[in-house]
Amino acid sequence: MKPDAGLGKFLSGAVAGAALSFLYLIYGYQPPVITKLLDIPKEATALAMDIVAEEVLYNADAALADQQRVIAFKVGADPDFFREIDTATDNSFTNEVLRRRASRQANRLRISRTRFDKVLQYPALREHYEDRYKTNDPQQIKQHMFIDAIRKEPFLHQHLKKQFPGQTDEQLAAHILE
């Protein structure tokens, strides 16, 4: 009687999945590339990774970095788990991710503000902006250009409005330049 090839593949996949899961969760090796090469079933690696994750997470002697890696795996594998934890911590993780993106956009705008002087050196462009903003004061024109640049970044603009409710766009611009 010939052994079932499917059962052999599953058992070898389960063993390899458990070994690779341990290496991933403890040492940070990335199993998706390896498992694709070995054609290990996802079910085998998912179960093995969950078992190893539980063992590492609740091991009092485990290093903090290992526990953080396991939590990152569990959050990535279970979106409901992430939402539950994030909600319990007043959305601190989500808020931090959004704050960092807004901060990068604000920094980019702050740096790009230096180009406004170069733009105003050209008489035709300067006249265009003077007509547009109804002023010939270079500082006011640059302020208006900066506010327009903020408005062109909808994520940043909305983030600032949430962070500083009731403030005008001029006041929001001042927060970026602080």
Protein backbone atom coordinates (compact mmCIF):
# COMPACT_ATOMS: atom_id res chain seq x y z
CA MET A 1 0.00 0.00 0.00
CA LYS A 2 1.38 3.40 -1.07
CA PRO A 3 1.36 6.19 1.59
CA ASP A 4 -0.77 9.23 0.86
CA ALA A 5 1.42 11.96 -0.71
CA GLY A 6 -0.85 14.75 0.57
CA LEU A 7 -0.46 13.64 4.18
CA GLY A 8 3.34 13.50 3.82
CA LYS A 9 3.41 16.98 2.31
CA PHE A 10 1.22 18.32 5.11
CA LEU A 11 3.32 16.75 7.87
CA SER A 12 6.59 17.98 6.36
CA GLY A 13 5.01 21.40 5.90
CA ALA A 14 3.89 21.45 9.53
CA VAL A 15 7.37 20.54 10.79
CA ALA A 16 9.07 23.06 8.49
CA GLY A 17 6.44 25.65 9.35
CA ALA A 18 7.03 25.21 13.07
CA ALA A 19 10.79 25.50 12.64
CA LEU A 20 10.55 28.55 10.40
CA SER A 21 7.98 30.16 12.68
CA PHE A 22 10.32 29.76 15.63
CA LEU A 23 13.16 31.33 13.64
CA TYR A 24 10.90 34.18 12.52
CA LEU A 25 9.48 35.03 15.89
CA ILE A 26 12.65 34.59 17.91
CA TYR A 27 15.31 35.79 15.46
CA GLY A 28 13.34 37.91 13.03
CA TYR A 29 13.82 35.77 9.90
CA GLN A 30 11.11 36.46 7.34
CA PRO A 31 9.22 33.24 6.55
CA PRO A 32 7.12 34.41 3.58
CA VAL A 33 10.11 34.26 1.21
CA ILE A 34 11.32 30.93 2.56
CA THR A 35 7.86 29.35 2.67
CA LYS A 36 7.19 30.36 -0.94
CA LEU A 37 10.39 28.63 -2.02
CA LEU A 38 9.56 25.48 -0.05
CA ASP A 39 5.84 25.57 -0.94
CA ILE A 40 4.80 25.21 2.69
CA PRO A 41 1.04 25.51 3.22
CA LYS A 42 0.03 28.78 4.90
CA GLU A 43 -2.19 26.94 7.34
CA ALA A 44 0.79 25.01 8.66
CA THR A 45 2.91 28.09 9.20
CA ALA A 46 0.03 30.15 10.63
CA LEU A 47 -0.79 27.57 13.28
CA ALA A 48 2.86 27.03 14.16
CA MET A 49 3.51 30.77 14.36
CA ASP A 50 0.51 31.27 16.61
CA ILE A 51 1.71 28.53 18.96
CA VAL A 52 5.25 29.93 19.09
CA ALA A 53 3.90 33.47 19.48
CA GLU A 54 1.85 32.50 22.52
CA GLU A 55 4.87 30.77 24.06
CA VAL A 56 7.18 33.78 23.56
CA LEU A 57 4.62 36.42 24.45
CA TYR A 58 3.74 34.97 27.82
CA ASN A 59 7.26 33.88 28.74
CA ALA A 60 8.38 36.09 31.62
CA ASP A 61 12.03 35.59 30.65
CA ALA A 62 11.60 36.59 27.01
CA ALA A 63 13.39 39.73 25.87
CA LEU A 64 11.27 42.82 25.25
CA ALA A 65 12.35 42.92 21.58
CA ASP A 66 11.15 39.34 21.12
CA GLN A 67 7.83 40.12 22.77
CA GLN A 68 7.40 43.20 20.58
CA ARG A 69 8.11 41.14 17.46
CA VAL A 70 5.47 38.63 18.55
CA ILE A 71 2.93 41.36 19.23
CA ALA A 72 3.64 42.83 15.79
CA PHE A 73 3.00 39.39 14.28
CA LYS A 74 -0.23 38.93 16.23
CA VAL A 75 -1.45 42.40 15.29
CA GLY A 76 -0.63 41.78 11.63
CA ALA A 77 -2.31 38.39 11.66
CA ASP A 78 -5.47 39.54 13.43
CA PRO A 79 -6.83 43.03 12.61
CA ASP A 80 -9.55 42.67 15.23
CA PHE A 81 -6.88 42.10 17.88
CA PHE A 82 -5.13 45.29 16.77
CA ARG A 83 -8.37 47.31 16.86
CA GLU A 84 -9.17 45.97 20.32
CA ILE A 85 -5.78 46.94 21.71
CA ASP A 86 -5.64 50.30 19.92
CA THR A 87 -9.13 51.19 21.17
CA ALA A 88 -8.20 50.18 24.71
CA THR A 89 -5.22 52.54 24.57
CA ASP A 90 -7.24 55.48 23.21
CA ASN A 91 -6.01 54.77 19.66
CA SER A 92 -2.46 55.68 20.65
CA PHE A 93 -0.83 53.58 17.93
CA THR A 94 -3.09 54.87 15.16
CA ASN A 95 -2.72 58.45 16.39
CA GLU A 96 1.06 58.13 16.45
CA VAL A 97 1.18 56.77 12.89
CA LEU A 98 -1.02 59.66 11.70
CA ARG A 99 0.99 62.22 13.68
CA ARG A 100 4.22 61.01 12.09
CA ARG A 101 2.79 61.27 8.58
CA ALA A 102 1.48 64.78 9.26
CA SER A 103 4.85 65.73 10.73
CA ARG A 104 6.69 64.51 7.59
CA GLN A 105 4.33 66.49 5.36
CA ALA A 106 4.69 69.60 7.52
CA ASN A 107 8.49 69.33 7.43
CA ARG A 108 8.43 68.96 3.66
CA LEU A 109 6.26 72.09 3.36
CA ARG A 110 8.43 74.01 5.80
CA ILE A 111 11.51 73.19 3.74
CA SER A 112 9.79 73.97 0.43
CA ARG A 113 8.83 77.41 1.75
CA THR A 114 12.30 78.65 0.79
CA ARG A 115 11.35 78.36 -2.88
CA PHE A 116 8.76 81.14 -2.49
CA ASP A 117 11.53 83.78 -2.52
CA LYS A 118 12.85 82.36 -5.79
CA VAL A 119 9.37 82.39 -7.34
CA LEU A 120 8.85 86.04 -6.40
CA GLN A 121 12.11 87.05 -8.11
CA TYR A 122 10.39 86.64 -11.48
CA PRO A 123 8.37 89.79 -12.28
CA ALA A 124 5.58 87.96 -14.12
CA LEU A 125 5.08 85.47 -11.29
CA ARG A 126 5.30 88.17 -8.68
CA GLU A 127 2.63 90.19 -10.51
CA HIS A 128 0.44 87.09 -10.76
CA TYR A 129 0.63 86.48 -7.02
CA GLU A 130 0.12 90.16 -6.20
CA ASP A 131 -3.11 90.08 -8.24
CA ARG A 132 -4.16 86.76 -6.76
CA TYR A 133 -3.65 87.75 -3.12
CA LYS A 134 -4.46 91.47 -3.49
CA THR A 135 -1.23 92.62 -1.87
CA ASN A 136 2.26 93.58 -2.95
CA ASP A 137 3.89 92.80 0.40
CA PRO A 138 6.28 89.87 -0.19
CA GLN A 139 5.81 88.49 3.34
CA GLN A 140 2.03 88.40 2.98
CA ILE A 141 2.29 86.82 -0.46
CA LYS A 142 4.59 84.10 0.92
CA GLN A 143 2.18 83.55 3.82
CA HIS A 144 -0.71 83.08 1.37
CA MET A 145 1.38 80.75 -0.78
CA PHE A 146 2.22 78.68 2.28
CA ILE A 147 -1.44 78.45 3.31
CA ASP A 148 -2.34 77.37 -0.23
CA ALA A 149 0.36 74.70 -0.05
CA ILE A 150 -1.15 73.41 3.20
CA ARG A 151 -4.62 73.31 1.63
CA LYS A 152 -3.19 71.23 -1.22
CA GLU A 153 -2.22 68.58 1.33
CA PRO A 154 -5.68 67.35 2.44
CA PHE A 155 -4.37 64.86 5.00
CA LEU A 156 -2.16 67.45 6.70
CA HIS A 157 -4.86 70.13 6.55
CA GLN A 158 -7.47 67.85 8.16
CA HIS A 159 -4.97 66.61 10.75
CA LEU A 160 -4.16 70.19 11.78
CA LYS A 161 -7.86 71.07 11.96
CA LYS A 162 -8.46 68.12 14.29
CA GLN A 163 -5.42 68.95 16.39
CA PHE A 164 -6.27 72.66 16.62
CA PRO A 165 -10.07 72.92 16.30
CA GLY A 166 -11.56 76.30 15.53
CA GLN A 167 -8.32 77.86 14.34
CA THR A 168 -7.97 79.65 11.02
CA ASP A 169 -5.69 78.44 8.25
CA GLU A 170 -3.32 81.29 9.11
CA GLN A 171 -3.08 80.01 12.68
CA LEU A 172 -2.57 76.45 11.44
CA ALA A 173 0.26 77.66 9.23
CA ALA A 174 1.85 79.35 12.23
CA HIS A 175 1.84 76.01 14.10
CA ILE A 176 3.82 74.41 11.28
CA LEU A 177 6.35 77.23 11.27
CA GLU A 178 6.90 77.13 15.04
